[in-house]
Amino acid sequence: MLRPMLMIVLWPAFLMACAATGLVFSLVDPMELIVLDERLQMHLTGVYTVGFFAFWLLGILSSGLTALLVQKAH
């Protein structure tokens, strides 16, 4: 039961992370990002990678919460 539930949660989160990364970084230049009053000192690929995994984590939290609530409703 755990393996199908993981795929139900991870796959939509992955797709959302792909779309969010493409959208955000087409509008925002990673070299112009400022965190805690300092410019990011990372390579472009690093910024894209961190952004993708941050969006994926948000998607996992969202999909996981939805799956949990649906499971509790049954």
C-alpha atoms as a PDB file:
ATOM      1  CA  MET A   1       0.000   0.000   0.000  1.00  0.00           C
ATOM      2  CA  LEU A   2       2.908   2.338   0.665  1.00  0.00           C
ATOM      3  CA  ARG A   3       4.476   2.141  -2.813  1.00  0.00           C
ATOM      4  CA  PRO A   4       1.323   3.164  -4.750  1.00  0.00           C
ATOM      5  CA  MET A   5       0.681   5.955  -2.249  1.00  0.00           C
ATOM      6  CA  LEU A   6       4.223   7.264  -2.738  1.00  0.00           C
ATOM      7  CA  MET A   7       3.732   7.403  -6.493  1.00  0.00           C
ATOM      8  CA  ILE A   8       0.352   9.087  -6.069  1.00  0.00           C
ATOM      9  CA  VAL A   9       2.081  11.786  -4.014  1.00  0.00           C
ATOM     10  CA  LEU A  10       5.485  12.086  -5.738  1.00  0.00           C
ATOM     11  CA  TRP A  11       4.462  12.081  -9.411  1.00  0.00           C
ATOM     12  CA  PRO A  12       2.053  15.074  -9.330  1.00  0.00           C
ATOM     13  CA  ALA A  13       4.535  16.920  -7.106  1.00  0.00           C
ATOM     14  CA  PHE A  14       7.307  16.274  -9.643  1.00  0.00           C
ATOM     15  CA  LEU A  15       5.166  17.569 -12.511  1.00  0.00           C
ATOM     16  CA  MET A  16       4.227  20.661 -10.511  1.00  0.00           C
ATOM     17  CA  ALA A  17       7.891  21.280  -9.677  1.00  0.00           C
ATOM     18  CA  CYS A  18       8.811  21.075 -13.379  1.00  0.00           C
ATOM     19  CA  ALA A  19       6.139  23.585 -14.323  1.00  0.00           C
ATOM     20  CA  ALA A  20       6.851  25.923 -11.393  1.00  0.00           C
ATOM     21  CA  THR A  21      10.603  25.904 -12.043  1.00  0.00           C
ATOM     22  CA  GLY A  22      10.072  26.705 -15.714  1.00  0.00           C
ATOM     23  CA  LEU A  23       7.614  29.478 -14.943  1.00  0.00           C
ATOM     24  CA  VAL A  24       9.536  31.119 -12.103  1.00  0.00           C
ATOM     25  CA  PHE A  25      12.928  31.049 -13.774  1.00  0.00           C
ATOM     26  CA  SER A  26      11.531  32.328 -17.045  1.00  0.00           C
ATOM     27  CA  LEU A  27      10.375  35.410 -15.128  1.00  0.00           C
ATOM     28  CA  VAL A  28      13.206  35.756 -12.579  1.00  0.00           C
ATOM     29  CA  ASP A  29      16.929  35.967 -13.280  1.00  0.00           C
ATOM     30  CA  PRO A  30      18.688  33.683 -10.768  1.00  0.00           C
ATOM     31  CA  MET A  31      21.709  35.980 -10.641  1.00  0.00           C
ATOM     32  CA  GLU A  32      19.506  38.820  -9.373  1.00  0.00           C
ATOM     33  CA  LEU A  33      18.071  36.891  -6.420  1.00  0.00           C
ATOM     34  CA  ILE A  34      18.800  38.425  -3.036  1.00  0.00           C
ATOM     35  CA  VAL A  35      18.516  36.353   0.147  1.00  0.00           C
ATOM     36  CA  LEU A  36      18.993  38.018   3.541  1.00  0.00           C
ATOM     37  CA  ASP A  37      20.282  41.232   1.931  1.00  0.00           C
ATOM     38  CA  GLU A  38      22.993  39.438  -0.061  1.00  0.00           C
ATOM     39  CA  ARG A  39      23.131  38.215  -3.645  1.00  0.00           C
ATOM     40  CA  LEU A  40      23.256  34.477  -4.124  1.00  0.00           C
ATOM     41  CA  GLN A  41      26.805  33.283  -4.691  1.00  0.00           C
ATOM     42  CA  MET A  42      25.824  30.081  -6.501  1.00  0.00           C
ATOM     43  CA  HIS A  43      26.270  28.770 -10.002  1.00  0.00           C
ATOM     44  CA  LEU A  44      23.176  28.986 -12.237  1.00  0.00           C
ATOM     45  CA  THR A  45      22.756  25.223 -12.216  1.00  0.00           C
ATOM     46  CA  GLY A  46      22.830  25.217  -8.414  1.00  0.00           C
ATOM     47  CA  VAL A  47      20.116  27.863  -8.213  1.00  0.00           C
ATOM     48  CA  TYR A  48      17.925  25.935 -10.652  1.00  0.00           C
ATOM     49  CA  THR A  49      18.495  22.705  -8.725  1.00  0.00           C
ATOM     50  CA  VAL A  50      17.702  24.220  -5.327  1.00  0.00           C
ATOM     51  CA  GLY A  51      14.630  25.904  -6.800  1.00  0.00           C
ATOM     52  CA  PHE A  52      13.406  22.673  -8.375  1.00  0.00           C
ATOM     53  CA  PHE A  53      13.806  20.688  -5.154  1.00  0.00           C
ATOM     54  CA  ALA A  54      12.128  23.459  -3.132  1.00  0.00           C
ATOM     55  CA  PHE A  55       9.137  23.406  -5.497  1.00  0.00           C
ATOM     56  CA  TRP A  56       9.112  19.598  -5.407  1.00  0.00           C
ATOM     57  CA  LEU A  57       9.066  19.645  -1.593  1.00  0.00           C
ATOM     58  CA  LEU A  58       6.118  22.059  -1.624  1.00  0.00           C
ATOM     59  CA  GLY A  59       4.326  19.782  -4.077  1.00  0.00           C
ATOM     60  CA  ILE A  60       5.039  16.730  -1.926  1.00  0.00           C
ATOM     61  CA  LEU A  61       3.610  18.496   1.117  1.00  0.00           C
ATOM     62  CA  SER A  62       0.518  19.548  -0.813  1.00  0.00           C
ATOM     63  CA  SER A  63      -0.101  16.157  -2.449  1.00  0.00           C
ATOM     64  CA  GLY A  64       0.670  14.312   0.772  1.00  0.00           C
ATOM     65  CA  LEU A  65      -1.797  16.387   2.735  1.00  0.00           C
ATOM     66  CA  THR A  66      -4.458  15.788   0.074  1.00  0.00           C
ATOM     67  CA  ALA A  67      -3.801  12.019   0.093  1.00  0.00           C
ATOM     68  CA  LEU A  68      -3.942  11.984   3.896  1.00  0.00           C
ATOM     69  CA  LEU A  69      -7.244  13.854   3.975  1.00  0.00           C
ATOM     70  CA  VAL A  70      -8.789  11.604   1.324  1.00  0.00           C
ATOM     71  CA  GLN A  71      -7.624   8.516   3.227  1.00  0.00           C
ATOM     72  CA  LYS A  72      -9.107   9.840   6.484  1.00  0.00           C
ATOM     73  CA  ALA A  73     -12.436  10.550   4.737  1.00  0.00           C
ATOM     74  CA  HIS A  74     -12.897   6.878   3.803  1.00  0.00           C
END
